């Protein structure tokens, strides 16, 4: 299996990843990806709880901006 980690200009691109679940564990992993995983970007959060993914995503926005 191969992963594309460079864009067409040859610039290193972050690995986009998603989190399934927005409970305490999903929120922990979303924050970890957004805050600590410099080579990763949080692309999606999915959950059966309506409205919960948006709340988790909103809490990680500041961390994602700090990495860039």
N, C-alpha and C. Protein backbone atom coordinates (compact mmCIF):
# COMPACT_ATOMS: atom_id res chain seq x y z
N UNK A 1 0.84 -1.16 0.00
CA UNK A 1 0.00 0.00 0.00
C UNK A 1 0.90 1.24 0.00
N UNK A 2 0.54 2.23 -0.77
CA UNK A 2 1.31 3.47 -0.84
C UNK A 2 0.43 4.65 -0.46
N UNK A 3 1.04 5.62 0.15
CA UNK A 3 0.33 6.83 0.55
C UNK A 3 0.94 8.02 -0.15
N UNK A 4 0.10 8.91 -0.63
CA UNK A 4 0.59 10.13 -1.27
C UNK A 4 0.79 11.16 -0.17
N UNK A 5 2.03 11.55 0.05
CA UNK A 5 2.32 12.53 1.10
C UNK A 5 2.90 13.81 0.53
N UNK A 6 2.87 13.95 -0.79
CA UNK A 6 3.32 15.18 -1.43
C UNK A 6 2.26 15.62 -2.42
N UNK A 7 2.08 16.91 -2.52
CA UNK A 7 1.14 17.40 -3.53
C UNK A 7 1.85 17.52 -4.87
N UNK A 8 1.15 18.01 -5.88
CA UNK A 8 1.72 18.05 -7.23
C UNK A 8 2.94 18.97 -7.33
N UNK A 9 3.09 19.91 -6.41
CA UNK A 9 4.24 20.81 -6.42
C UNK A 9 5.42 20.22 -5.66
N UNK A 10 5.28 19.00 -5.13
CA UNK A 10 6.35 18.36 -4.40
C UNK A 10 6.45 18.78 -2.94
N UNK A 11 5.45 19.50 -2.47
CA UNK A 11 5.43 19.96 -1.08
C UNK A 11 4.83 18.87 -0.19
N UNK A 12 5.48 18.62 0.95
CA UNK A 12 4.99 17.60 1.87
C UNK A 12 3.58 17.95 2.35
N UNK A 13 2.67 17.04 2.20
CA UNK A 13 1.28 17.26 2.58
C UNK A 13 0.95 16.41 3.81
N UNK A 14 0.13 16.92 4.72
CA UNK A 14 -0.23 16.12 5.90
C UNK A 14 -1.14 14.95 5.51
N UNK A 15 -1.06 13.89 6.26
CA UNK A 15 -1.95 12.74 6.06
C UNK A 15 -3.30 13.11 6.66
N UNK A 16 -4.34 13.09 5.83
CA UNK A 16 -5.68 13.44 6.31
C UNK A 16 -6.31 12.20 6.94
N UNK A 17 -6.88 12.37 8.12
CA UNK A 17 -7.46 11.26 8.85
C UNK A 17 -8.80 11.66 9.46
N UNK A 18 -9.58 10.66 9.83
CA UNK A 18 -10.88 10.90 10.44
C UNK A 18 -11.01 10.14 11.74
N UNK A 19 -11.97 10.56 12.56
CA UNK A 19 -12.25 9.91 13.84
C UNK A 19 -13.70 9.46 13.82
N UNK A 20 -13.92 8.21 14.21
CA UNK A 20 -15.29 7.69 14.31
C UNK A 20 -15.65 7.66 15.79
N UNK A 21 -16.67 8.40 16.14
CA UNK A 21 -17.11 8.50 17.53
C UNK A 21 -16.73 9.85 18.11
N UNK A 22 -17.63 10.42 18.90
CA UNK A 22 -17.36 11.73 19.48
C UNK A 22 -17.56 11.73 21.00
N UNK A 23 -17.45 10.55 21.59
CA UNK A 23 -17.47 10.48 23.05
C UNK A 23 -16.13 10.91 23.59
N UNK A 24 -15.83 10.53 24.84
CA UNK A 24 -14.57 11.00 25.44
C UNK A 24 -13.36 10.46 24.70
N UNK A 25 -13.42 9.22 24.21
CA UNK A 25 -12.27 8.66 23.51
C UNK A 25 -12.10 9.29 22.13
N UNK A 26 -13.19 9.48 21.40
CA UNK A 26 -13.11 10.13 20.10
C UNK A 26 -12.61 11.57 20.22
N UNK A 27 -13.10 12.28 21.24
CA UNK A 27 -12.66 13.66 21.47
C UNK A 27 -11.17 13.69 21.81
N UNK A 28 -10.71 12.71 22.61
CA UNK A 28 -9.29 12.63 22.96
C UNK A 28 -8.44 12.42 21.71
N UNK A 29 -8.86 11.49 20.85
CA UNK A 29 -8.08 11.22 19.63
C UNK A 29 -8.13 12.40 18.67
N UNK A 30 -9.28 13.06 18.55
CA UNK A 30 -9.38 14.23 17.68
C UNK A 30 -8.45 15.34 18.16
N UNK A 31 -8.41 15.57 19.48
CA UNK A 31 -7.52 16.59 20.02
C UNK A 31 -6.06 16.19 19.82
N UNK A 32 -5.75 14.92 20.00
CA UNK A 32 -4.37 14.46 19.81
C UNK A 32 -3.91 14.67 18.38
N UNK A 33 -4.77 14.36 17.43
CA UNK A 33 -4.41 14.55 16.01
C UNK A 33 -4.24 16.04 15.72
N UNK A 34 -5.19 16.85 16.18
CA UNK A 34 -5.14 18.28 15.89
C UNK A 34 -3.98 18.98 16.59
N UNK A 35 -3.62 18.51 17.80
CA UNK A 35 -2.63 19.22 18.60
C UNK A 35 -1.21 18.67 18.47
N UNK A 36 -1.07 17.35 18.42
CA UNK A 36 0.25 16.76 18.56
C UNK A 36 0.81 16.10 17.30
N UNK A 37 -0.04 15.63 16.42
CA UNK A 37 0.41 14.90 15.24
C UNK A 37 0.70 15.88 14.10
N UNK A 38 1.94 16.34 14.02
CA UNK A 38 2.29 17.40 13.08
C UNK A 38 2.14 16.99 11.62
N UNK A 39 2.29 15.70 11.32
CA UNK A 39 2.20 15.24 9.94
C UNK A 39 0.79 14.78 9.58
N UNK A 40 -0.19 15.06 10.45
CA UNK A 40 -1.56 14.64 10.20
C UNK A 40 -2.50 15.83 10.26
N UNK A 41 -3.62 15.72 9.55
CA UNK A 41 -4.67 16.73 9.59
C UNK A 41 -5.98 16.02 9.88
N UNK A 42 -6.75 16.56 10.80
CA UNK A 42 -8.06 16.00 11.12
C UNK A 42 -9.04 16.42 10.04
N UNK A 43 -9.51 15.47 9.24
CA UNK A 43 -10.36 15.79 8.09
C UNK A 43 -11.84 15.56 8.37
N UNK A 44 -12.18 14.65 9.31
CA UNK A 44 -13.58 14.29 9.51
C UNK A 44 -13.78 13.72 10.91
N UNK A 45 -14.93 14.02 11.50
CA UNK A 45 -15.37 13.39 12.74
C UNK A 45 -16.79 12.90 12.49
N UNK A 46 -17.06 11.65 12.79
CA UNK A 46 -18.38 11.07 12.55
C UNK A 46 -18.88 10.42 13.83
N UNK A 47 -20.19 10.53 14.07
CA UNK A 47 -20.79 9.96 15.27
C UNK A 47 -22.28 9.77 15.05
N UNK A 48 -22.86 8.88 15.84
CA UNK A 48 -24.31 8.70 15.78
C UNK A 48 -25.02 9.76 16.61
N UNK A 49 -24.29 10.43 17.49
CA UNK A 49 -24.87 11.50 18.32
C UNK A 49 -24.96 12.77 17.48
N UNK A 50 -26.17 13.23 17.26
CA UNK A 50 -26.38 14.41 16.44
C UNK A 50 -25.81 15.65 17.14
N UNK A 51 -25.02 16.41 16.43
CA UNK A 51 -24.43 17.64 16.96
C UNK A 51 -23.10 17.45 17.67
N UNK A 52 -22.81 16.25 18.12
CA UNK A 52 -21.57 16.00 18.86
C UNK A 52 -20.32 16.18 18.01
N UNK A 53 -20.29 15.70 16.75
CA UNK A 53 -19.08 15.90 15.95
C UNK A 53 -18.74 17.39 15.76
N UNK A 54 -19.75 18.23 15.60
CA UNK A 54 -19.49 19.66 15.43
C UNK A 54 -18.87 20.26 16.68
N UNK A 55 -19.33 19.81 17.85
CA UNK A 55 -18.76 20.32 19.10
C UNK A 55 -17.31 19.90 19.26
N UNK A 56 -17.00 18.65 18.92
CA UNK A 56 -15.62 18.17 19.02
C UNK A 56 -14.75 18.90 18.01
N UNK A 57 -15.24 19.07 16.79
CA UNK A 57 -14.48 19.78 15.76
C UNK A 57 -14.20 21.22 16.17
N UNK A 58 -15.18 21.88 16.75
CA UNK A 58 -15.00 23.27 17.18
C UNK A 58 -13.93 23.38 18.26
N UNK A 59 -13.82 22.35 19.09
CA UNK A 59 -12.83 22.40 20.17
C UNK A 59 -11.42 22.15 19.68
N UNK A 60 -11.25 21.66 18.46
CA UNK A 60 -9.91 21.37 17.93
C UNK A 60 -9.42 22.42 16.94
N UNK A 61 -10.23 23.41 16.59
CA UNK A 61 -9.86 24.38 15.57
C UNK A 61 -8.63 25.17 15.96
N UNK A 62 -8.54 25.63 17.19
CA UNK A 62 -7.39 26.42 17.62
C UNK A 62 -6.10 25.64 17.51
N UNK A 63 -6.12 24.36 17.86
CA UNK A 63 -4.92 23.53 17.78
C UNK A 63 -4.47 23.36 16.33
N UNK A 64 -5.43 23.15 15.44
CA UNK A 64 -5.09 22.96 14.03
C UNK A 64 -4.44 24.23 13.46
N UNK A 65 -4.92 25.39 13.87
CA UNK A 65 -4.34 26.64 13.39
C UNK A 65 -2.94 26.86 13.93
N UNK A 66 -2.67 26.38 15.16
CA UNK A 66 -1.33 26.52 15.74
C UNK A 66 -0.30 25.72 14.96
N UNK A 67 -0.68 24.57 14.39
CA UNK A 67 0.26 23.73 13.67
C UNK A 67 0.68 24.34 12.34
N UNK A 68 -0.20 25.12 11.72
CA UNK A 68 0.14 25.64 10.39
C UNK A 68 0.94 26.90 10.42
